[in-house]
Amino acid sequence: MPGRGEGRRTADGVPRPRRVGPLRLAEEEFTTLSAAAKREGPSVGAYVTSTALTVAQERLTPVPADWRA
């Protein structure tokens, strides 16, 4: 039996001992995130985590919807 703090392996093998969440989403928000995650390949949780981390590291800057063509 795994010891406390141990869990499932991550896809990249890097331990993830910290948890942020759970997120509470409206149905429309979840549907939007699910569609985006499906295009990229990971689970919704992995997609949200990856995208949030990318924005926090300033490797991606969100653009308001009304600025898009």
PDB file of N, CA and C in Angstrom:
ATOM      1  N   MET A   1       0.843  -1.173   0.000  1.00  0.00           N
ATOM      2  CA  MET A   1       0.000   0.000   0.000  1.00  0.00           C
ATOM      3  C   MET A   1       0.889   1.237   0.000  1.00  0.00           C
ATOM      4  N   PRO A   2       0.565   2.242  -0.864  1.00  0.00           N
ATOM      5  CA  PRO A   2       1.387   3.439  -0.882  1.00  0.00           C
ATOM      6  C   PRO A   2       1.310   4.191   0.442  1.00  0.00           C
ATOM      7  N   GLY A   3       2.391   4.845   0.788  1.00  0.00           N
ATOM      8  CA  GLY A   3       2.404   5.644   2.006  1.00  0.00           C
ATOM      9  C   GLY A   3       1.693   6.964   1.805  1.00  0.00           C
ATOM     10  N   ARG A   4       1.466   7.650   2.876  1.00  0.00           N
ATOM     11  CA  ARG A   4       0.772   8.938   2.787  1.00  0.00           C
ATOM     12  C   ARG A   4       1.557   9.898   1.910  1.00  0.00           C
ATOM     13  N   GLY A   5       0.863  10.622   1.026  1.00  0.00           N
ATOM     14  CA  GLY A   5       1.525  11.573   0.150  1.00  0.00           C
ATOM     15  C   GLY A   5       1.902  10.970  -1.193  1.00  0.00           C
ATOM     16  N   GLU A   6       1.817   9.663  -1.306  1.00  0.00           N
ATOM     17  CA  GLU A   6       2.116   9.030  -2.577  1.00  0.00           C
ATOM     18  C   GLU A   6       0.815   8.803  -3.315  1.00  0.00           C
ATOM     19  N   GLY A   7       0.894   8.837  -4.617  1.00  0.00           N
ATOM     20  CA  GLY A   7      -0.324   8.632  -5.398  1.00  0.00           C
ATOM     21  C   GLY A   7       0.018   8.072  -6.755  1.00  0.00           C
ATOM     22  N   ARG A   8      -0.870   8.329  -7.676  1.00  0.00           N
ATOM     23  CA  ARG A   8      -0.663   7.848  -9.035  1.00  0.00           C
ATOM     24  C   ARG A   8       0.544   8.518  -9.661  1.00  0.00           C
ATOM     25  N   ARG A   9       1.140   7.817 -10.598  1.00  0.00           N
ATOM     26  CA  ARG A   9       2.258   8.410 -11.324  1.00  0.00           C
ATOM     27  C   ARG A   9       1.742   9.439 -12.314  1.00  0.00           C
ATOM     28  N   THR A  10       2.522  10.480 -12.554  1.00  0.00           N
ATOM     29  CA  THR A  10       2.150  11.467 -13.553  1.00  0.00           C
ATOM     30  C   THR A  10       2.696  11.013 -14.900  1.00  0.00           C
ATOM     31  N   ALA A  11       2.172  11.583 -15.968  1.00  0.00           N
ATOM     32  CA  ALA A  11       2.588  11.194 -17.314  1.00  0.00           C
ATOM     33  C   ALA A  11       4.084  11.437 -17.539  1.00  0.00           C
ATOM     34  N   ASP A  12       4.621  12.502 -16.949  1.00  0.00           N
ATOM     35  CA  ASP A  12       6.031  12.802 -17.157  1.00  0.00           C
ATOM     36  C   ASP A  12       6.927  12.267 -16.040  1.00  0.00           C
ATOM     37  N   GLY A  13       6.342  11.587 -15.068  1.00  0.00           N
ATOM     38  CA  GLY A  13       7.124  10.979 -14.001  1.00  0.00           C
ATOM     39  C   GLY A  13       7.557  11.930 -12.904  1.00  0.00           C
ATOM     40  N   VAL A  14       7.166  13.197 -12.992  1.00  0.00           N
ATOM     41  CA  VAL A  14       7.550  14.182 -11.985  1.00  0.00           C
ATOM     42  C   VAL A  14       6.508  14.159 -10.869  1.00  0.00           C
ATOM     43  N   PRO A  15       6.934  13.988  -9.607  1.00  0.00           N
ATOM     44  CA  PRO A  15       5.978  13.970  -8.500  1.00  0.00           C
ATOM     45  C   PRO A  15       5.247  15.305  -8.373  1.00  0.00           C
ATOM     46  N   ARG A  16       3.979  15.264  -8.020  1.00  0.00           N
ATOM     47  CA  ARG A  16       3.171  16.463  -7.834  1.00  0.00           C
ATOM     48  C   ARG A  16       2.557  16.419  -6.430  1.00  0.00           C
ATOM     49  N   PRO A  17       3.328  16.821  -5.394  1.00  0.00           N
ATOM     50  CA  PRO A  17       2.833  16.706  -4.023  1.00  0.00           C
ATOM     51  C   PRO A  17       1.819  17.783  -3.622  1.00  0.00           C
ATOM     52  N   ARG A  18       1.700  18.861  -4.372  1.00  0.00           N
ATOM     53  CA  ARG A  18       0.786  19.958  -4.025  1.00  0.00           C
ATOM     54  C   ARG A  18      -0.485  19.874  -4.853  1.00  0.00           C
ATOM     55  N   ARG A  19      -1.589  20.308  -4.273  1.00  0.00           N
ATOM     56  CA  ARG A  19      -2.871  20.277  -4.977  1.00  0.00           C
ATOM     57  C   ARG A  19      -3.508  21.656  -4.884  1.00  0.00           C
ATOM     58  N   VAL A  20      -4.045  22.128  -5.995  1.00  0.00           N
ATOM     59  CA  VAL A  20      -4.782  23.383  -6.028  1.00  0.00           C
ATOM     60  C   VAL A  20      -6.186  23.040  -6.515  1.00  0.00           C
ATOM     61  N   GLY A  21      -7.148  23.299  -5.717  1.00  0.00           N
ATOM     62  CA  GLY A  21      -8.503  22.977  -6.181  1.00  0.00           C
ATOM     63  C   GLY A  21      -9.331  22.478  -5.029  1.00  0.00           C
ATOM     64  N   PRO A  22     -10.431  21.952  -5.297  1.00  0.00           N
ATOM     65  CA  PRO A  22     -10.968  21.670  -6.621  1.00  0.00           C
ATOM     66  C   PRO A  22     -11.596  22.917  -7.247  1.00  0.00           C
ATOM     67  N   LEU A  23     -11.578  22.971  -8.546  1.00  0.00           N
ATOM     68  CA  LEU A  23     -12.227  24.059  -9.269  1.00  0.00           C
ATOM     69  C   LEU A  23     -13.722  23.785  -9.349  1.00  0.00           C
ATOM     70  N   ARG A  24     -14.497  24.833  -9.282  1.00  0.00           N
ATOM     71  CA  ARG A  24     -15.949  24.713  -9.444  1.00  0.00           C
ATOM     72  C   ARG A  24     -16.297  25.492 -10.701  1.00  0.00           C
ATOM     73  N   LEU A  25     -16.896  24.803 -11.673  1.00  0.00           N
ATOM     74  CA  LEU A  25     -17.181  25.405 -12.964  1.00  0.00           C
ATOM     75  C   LEU A  25     -18.653  25.282 -13.314  1.00  0.00           C
ATOM     76  N   ALA A  26     -19.154  26.279 -14.049  1.00  0.00           N
ATOM     77  CA  ALA A  26     -20.489  26.178 -14.628  1.00  0.00           C
ATOM     78  C   ALA A  26     -20.403  25.171 -15.774  1.00  0.00           C
ATOM     79  N   GLU A  27     -21.541  24.633 -16.176  1.00  0.00           N
ATOM     80  CA  GLU A  27     -21.562  23.639 -17.255  1.00  0.00           C
ATOM     81  C   GLU A  27     -20.928  24.182 -18.535  1.00  0.00           C
ATOM     82  N   GLU A  28     -21.234  25.409 -18.894  1.00  0.00           N
ATOM     83  CA  GLU A  28     -20.667  26.014 -20.110  1.00  0.00           C
ATOM     84  C   GLU A  28     -19.147  26.154 -20.015  1.00  0.00           C
ATOM     85  N   GLU A  29     -18.656  26.549 -18.844  1.00  0.00           N
ATOM     86  CA  GLU A  29     -17.204  26.671 -18.648  1.00  0.00           C
ATOM     87  C   GLU A  29     -16.531  25.314 -18.783  1.00  0.00           C
ATOM     88  N   PHE A  30     -17.129  24.298 -18.169  1.00  0.00           N
ATOM     89  CA  PHE A  30     -16.555  22.954 -18.244  1.00  0.00           C
ATOM     90  C   PHE A  30     -16.565  22.435 -19.678  1.00  0.00           C
ATOM     91  N   THR A  31     -17.640  22.695 -20.405  1.00  0.00           N
ATOM     92  CA  THR A  31     -17.741  22.267 -21.803  1.00  0.00           C
ATOM     93  C   THR A  31     -16.648  22.922 -22.641  1.00  0.00           C
ATOM     94  N   THR A  32     -16.412  24.208 -22.418  1.00  0.00           N
ATOM     95  CA  THR A  32     -15.371  24.933 -23.152  1.00  0.00           C
ATOM     96  C   THR A  32     -13.993  24.354 -22.849  1.00  0.00           C
ATOM     97  N   LEU A  33     -13.707  24.135 -21.564  1.00  0.00           N
ATOM     98  CA  LEU A  33     -12.409  23.565 -21.182  1.00  0.00           C
ATOM     99  C   LEU A  33     -12.255  22.138 -21.689  1.00  0.00           C
ATOM    100  N   SER A  34     -13.310  21.366 -21.649  1.00  0.00           N
ATOM    101  CA  SER A  34     -13.258  19.985 -22.139  1.00  0.00           C
ATOM    102  C   SER A  34     -12.924  19.945 -23.621  1.00  0.00           C
ATOM    103  N   ALA A  35     -13.543  20.830 -24.395  1.00  0.00           N
ATOM    104  CA  ALA A  35     -13.277  20.878 -25.835  1.00  0.00           C
ATOM    105  C   ALA A  35     -11.826  21.274 -26.107  1.00  0.00           C
ATOM    106  N   ALA A  36     -11.329  22.252 -25.374  1.00  0.00           N
ATOM    107  CA  ALA A  36      -9.942  22.679 -25.551  1.00  0.00           C
ATOM    108  C   ALA A  36      -8.971  21.565 -25.159  1.00  0.00           C
ATOM    109  N   ALA A  37      -9.258  20.896 -24.053  1.00  0.00           N
ATOM    110  CA  ALA A  37      -8.399  19.792 -23.601  1.00  0.00           C
ATOM    111  C   ALA A  37      -8.406  18.661 -24.621  1.00  0.00           C
ATOM    112  N   LYS A  38      -9.566  18.376 -25.180  1.00  0.00           N
ATOM    113  CA  LYS A  38      -9.670  17.297 -26.168  1.00  0.00           C
ATOM    114  C   LYS A  38      -8.815  17.610 -27.404  1.00  0.00           C
ATOM    115  N   ARG A  39      -8.778  18.867 -27.819  1.00  0.00           N
ATOM    116  CA  ARG A  39      -7.937  19.264 -28.960  1.00  0.00           C
ATOM    117  C   ARG A  39      -6.458  19.068 -28.663  1.00  0.00           C
ATOM    118  N   GLU A  40      -6.061  19.338 -27.402  1.00  0.00           N
ATOM    119  CA  GLU A  40      -4.657  19.252 -27.011  1.00  0.00           C
ATOM    120  C   GLU A  40      -4.240  17.857 -26.570  1.00  0.00           C
ATOM    121  N   GLY A  41      -5.170  17.045 -26.084  1.00  0.00           N
ATOM    122  CA  GLY A  41      -4.849  15.671 -25.715  1.00  0.00           C
ATOM    123  C   GLY A  41      -4.924  15.295 -24.242  1.00  0.00           C
ATOM    124  N   PRO A  42      -4.590  16.209 -23.301  1.00  0.00           N
ATOM    125  CA  PRO A  42      -4.619  15.772 -21.898  1.00  0.00           C
ATOM    126  C   PRO A  42      -6.022  15.803 -21.310  1.00  0.00           C
ATOM    127  N   SER A  43      -6.118  15.385 -20.077  1.00  0.00           N
ATOM    128  CA  SER A  43      -7.382  15.482 -19.343  1.00  0.00           C
ATOM    129  C   SER A  43      -7.679  16.961 -19.094  1.00  0.00           C
ATOM    130  N   VAL A  44      -8.898  17.260 -18.685  1.00  0.00           N
ATOM    131  CA  VAL A  44      -9.276  18.643 -18.406  1.00  0.00           C
ATOM    132  C   VAL A  44      -8.388  19.215 -17.296  1.00  0.00           C
ATOM    133  N   GLY A  45      -8.189  18.449 -16.229  1.00  0.00           N
ATOM    134  CA  GLY A  45      -7.340  18.916 -15.129  1.00  0.00           C
ATOM    135  C   GLY A  45      -5.912  19.202 -15.566  1.00  0.00           C
ATOM    136  N   ALA A  46      -5.347  18.319 -16.376  1.00  0.00           N
ATOM    137  CA  ALA A  46      -3.982  18.520 -16.879  1.00  0.00           C
ATOM    138  C   ALA A  46      -3.917  19.734 -17.796  1.00  0.00           C
ATOM    139  N   TYR A  47      -4.953  19.903 -18.615  1.00  0.00           N
ATOM    140  CA  TYR A  47      -5.005  21.060 -19.521  1.00  0.00           C
ATOM    141  C   TYR A  47      -5.052  22.368 -18.730  1.00  0.00           C
ATOM    142  N   VAL A  48      -5.938  22.430 -17.730  1.00  0.00           N
ATOM    143  CA  VAL A  48      -6.074  23.640 -16.913  1.00  0.00           C
ATOM    144  C   VAL A  48      -4.761  23.939 -16.193  1.00  0.00           C
ATOM    145  N   THR A  49      -4.158  22.930 -15.615  1.00  0.00           N
ATOM    146  CA  THR A  49      -2.895  23.113 -14.900  1.00  0.00           C
ATOM    147  C   THR A  49      -1.795  23.612 -15.827  1.00  0.00           C
ATOM    148  N   SER A  50      -1.655  22.965 -16.973  1.00  0.00           N
ATOM    149  CA  SER A  50      -0.624  23.338 -17.941  1.00  0.00           C
ATOM    150  C   SER A  50      -0.817  24.767 -18.445  1.00  0.00           C
ATOM    151  N   THR A  51      -2.047  25.116 -18.774  1.00  0.00           N
ATOM    152  CA  THR A  51      -2.327  26.457 -19.288  1.00  0.00           C
ATOM    153  C   THR A  51      -2.098  27.520 -18.221  1.00  0.00           C
ATOM    154  N   ALA A  52      -2.550  27.267 -17.011  1.00  0.00           N
ATOM    155  CA  ALA A  52      -2.342  28.225 -15.923  1.00  0.00           C
ATOM    156  C   ALA A  52      -0.852  28.428 -15.645  1.00  0.00           C
ATOM    157  N   LEU A  53      -0.103  27.350 -15.649  1.00  0.00           N
ATOM    158  CA  LEU A  53       1.335  27.447 -15.410  1.00  0.00           C
ATOM    159  C   LEU A  53       2.032  28.209 -16.537  1.00  0.00           C
ATOM    160  N   THR A  54       1.622  27.967 -17.780  1.00  0.00           N
ATOM    161  CA  THR A  54       2.208  28.668 -18.922  1.00  0.00           C
ATOM    162  C   THR A  54       1.950  30.168 -18.832  1.00  0.00           C
ATOM    163  N   VAL A  55       0.739  30.569 -18.447  1.00  0.00           N
ATOM    164  CA  VAL A  55       0.417  31.987 -18.278  1.00  0.00           C
ATOM    165  C   VAL A  55       1.213  32.566 -17.111  1.00  0.00           C
ATOM    166  N   ALA A  56       1.282  31.857 -15.998  1.00  0.00           N
ATOM    167  CA  ALA A  56       2.014  32.345 -14.821  1.00  0.00           C
ATOM    168  C   ALA A  56       3.500  32.540 -15.105  1.00  0.00           C
ATOM    169  N   GLN A  57       4.048  31.707 -15.982  1.00  0.00           N
ATOM    170  CA  GLN A  57       5.467  31.817 -16.343  1.00  0.00           C
ATOM    171  C   GLN A  57       5.697  32.826 -17.469  1.00  0.00           C
ATOM    172  N   GLU A  58       4.619  33.513 -17.857  1.00  0.00           N
ATOM    173  CA  GLU A  58       4.657  34.532 -18.909  1.00  0.00           C
ATOM    174  C   GLU A  58       5.154  33.990 -20.240  1.00  0.00           C
ATOM    175  N   ARG A  59       4.841  32.717 -20.506  1.00  0.00           N
ATOM    176  CA  ARG A  59       5.157  32.125 -21.813  1.00  0.00           C
ATOM    177  C   ARG A  59       3.953  32.201 -22.733  1.00  0.00           C
ATOM    178  N   LEU A  60       2.816  32.679 -22.215  1.00  0.00           N
ATOM    179  CA  LEU A  60       1.581  32.838 -22.975  1.00  0.00           C
ATOM    180  C   LEU A  60       0.825  33.996 -22.357  1.00  0.00           C
ATOM    181  N   THR A  61       0.417  34.940 -23.197  1.00  0.00           N
ATOM    182  CA  THR A  61      -0.343  36.085 -22.713  1.00  0.00           C
ATOM    183  C   THR A  61      -1.772  35.964 -23.218  1.00  0.00           C
ATOM    184  N   PRO A  62      -2.730  35.890 -22.325  1.00  0.00           N
ATOM    185  CA  PRO A  62      -4.126  35.819 -22.745  1.00  0.00           C
ATOM    186  C   PRO A  62      -4.524  37.070 -23.509  1.00  0.00           C
ATOM    187  N   VAL A  63      -5.322  36.907 -24.540  1.00  0.00           N
ATOM    188  CA  VAL A  63      -5.814  38.031 -25.343  1.00  0.00           C
ATOM    189  C   VAL A  63      -7.332  38.092 -25.177  1.00  0.00           C
ATOM    190  N   PRO A  64      -7.868  39.275 -24.840  1.00  0.00           N
ATOM    191  CA  PRO A  64      -9.316  39.383 -24.694  1.00  0.00           C
ATOM    192  C   PRO A  64     -10.038  38.963 -25.985  1.00  0.00           C
ATOM    193  N   ALA A  65     -11.188  38.340 -25.841  1.00  0.00           N
ATOM    194  CA  ALA A  65     -11.935  37.831 -26.989  1.00  0.00           C
ATOM    195  C   ALA A  65     -12.258  38.939 -27.998  1.00  0.00           C
ATOM    196  N   ASP A  66     -12.530  40.144 -27.521  1.00  0.00           N
ATOM    197  CA  ASP A  66     -12.897  41.224 -28.454  1.00  0.00           C
ATOM    198  C   ASP A  66     -11.696  41.759 -29.238  1.00  0.00           C
ATOM    199  N   TRP A  67     -10.472  41.341 -28.920  1.00  0.00           N
ATOM    200  CA  TRP A  67      -9.288  41.725 -29.681  1.00  0.00           C
ATOM    201  C   TRP A  67      -8.994  40.759 -30.815  1.00  0.00           C
ATOM    202  N   ARG A  68      -9.596  39.574 -30.734  1.00  0.00           N
ATOM    203  CA  ARG A  68      -9.326  38.538 -31.736  1.00  0.00           C
ATOM    204  C   ARG A  68     -10.092  38.819 -33.014  1.00  0.00           C
ATOM    205  N   ALA A  69      -9.494  38.415 -34.129  1.00  0.00           N
ATOM    206  CA  ALA A  69     -10.143  38.619 -35.433  1.00  0.00           C
ATOM    207  C   ALA A  69     -11.246  37.616 -35.673  1.00  0.00           C
TER     208      ALA A  69
END
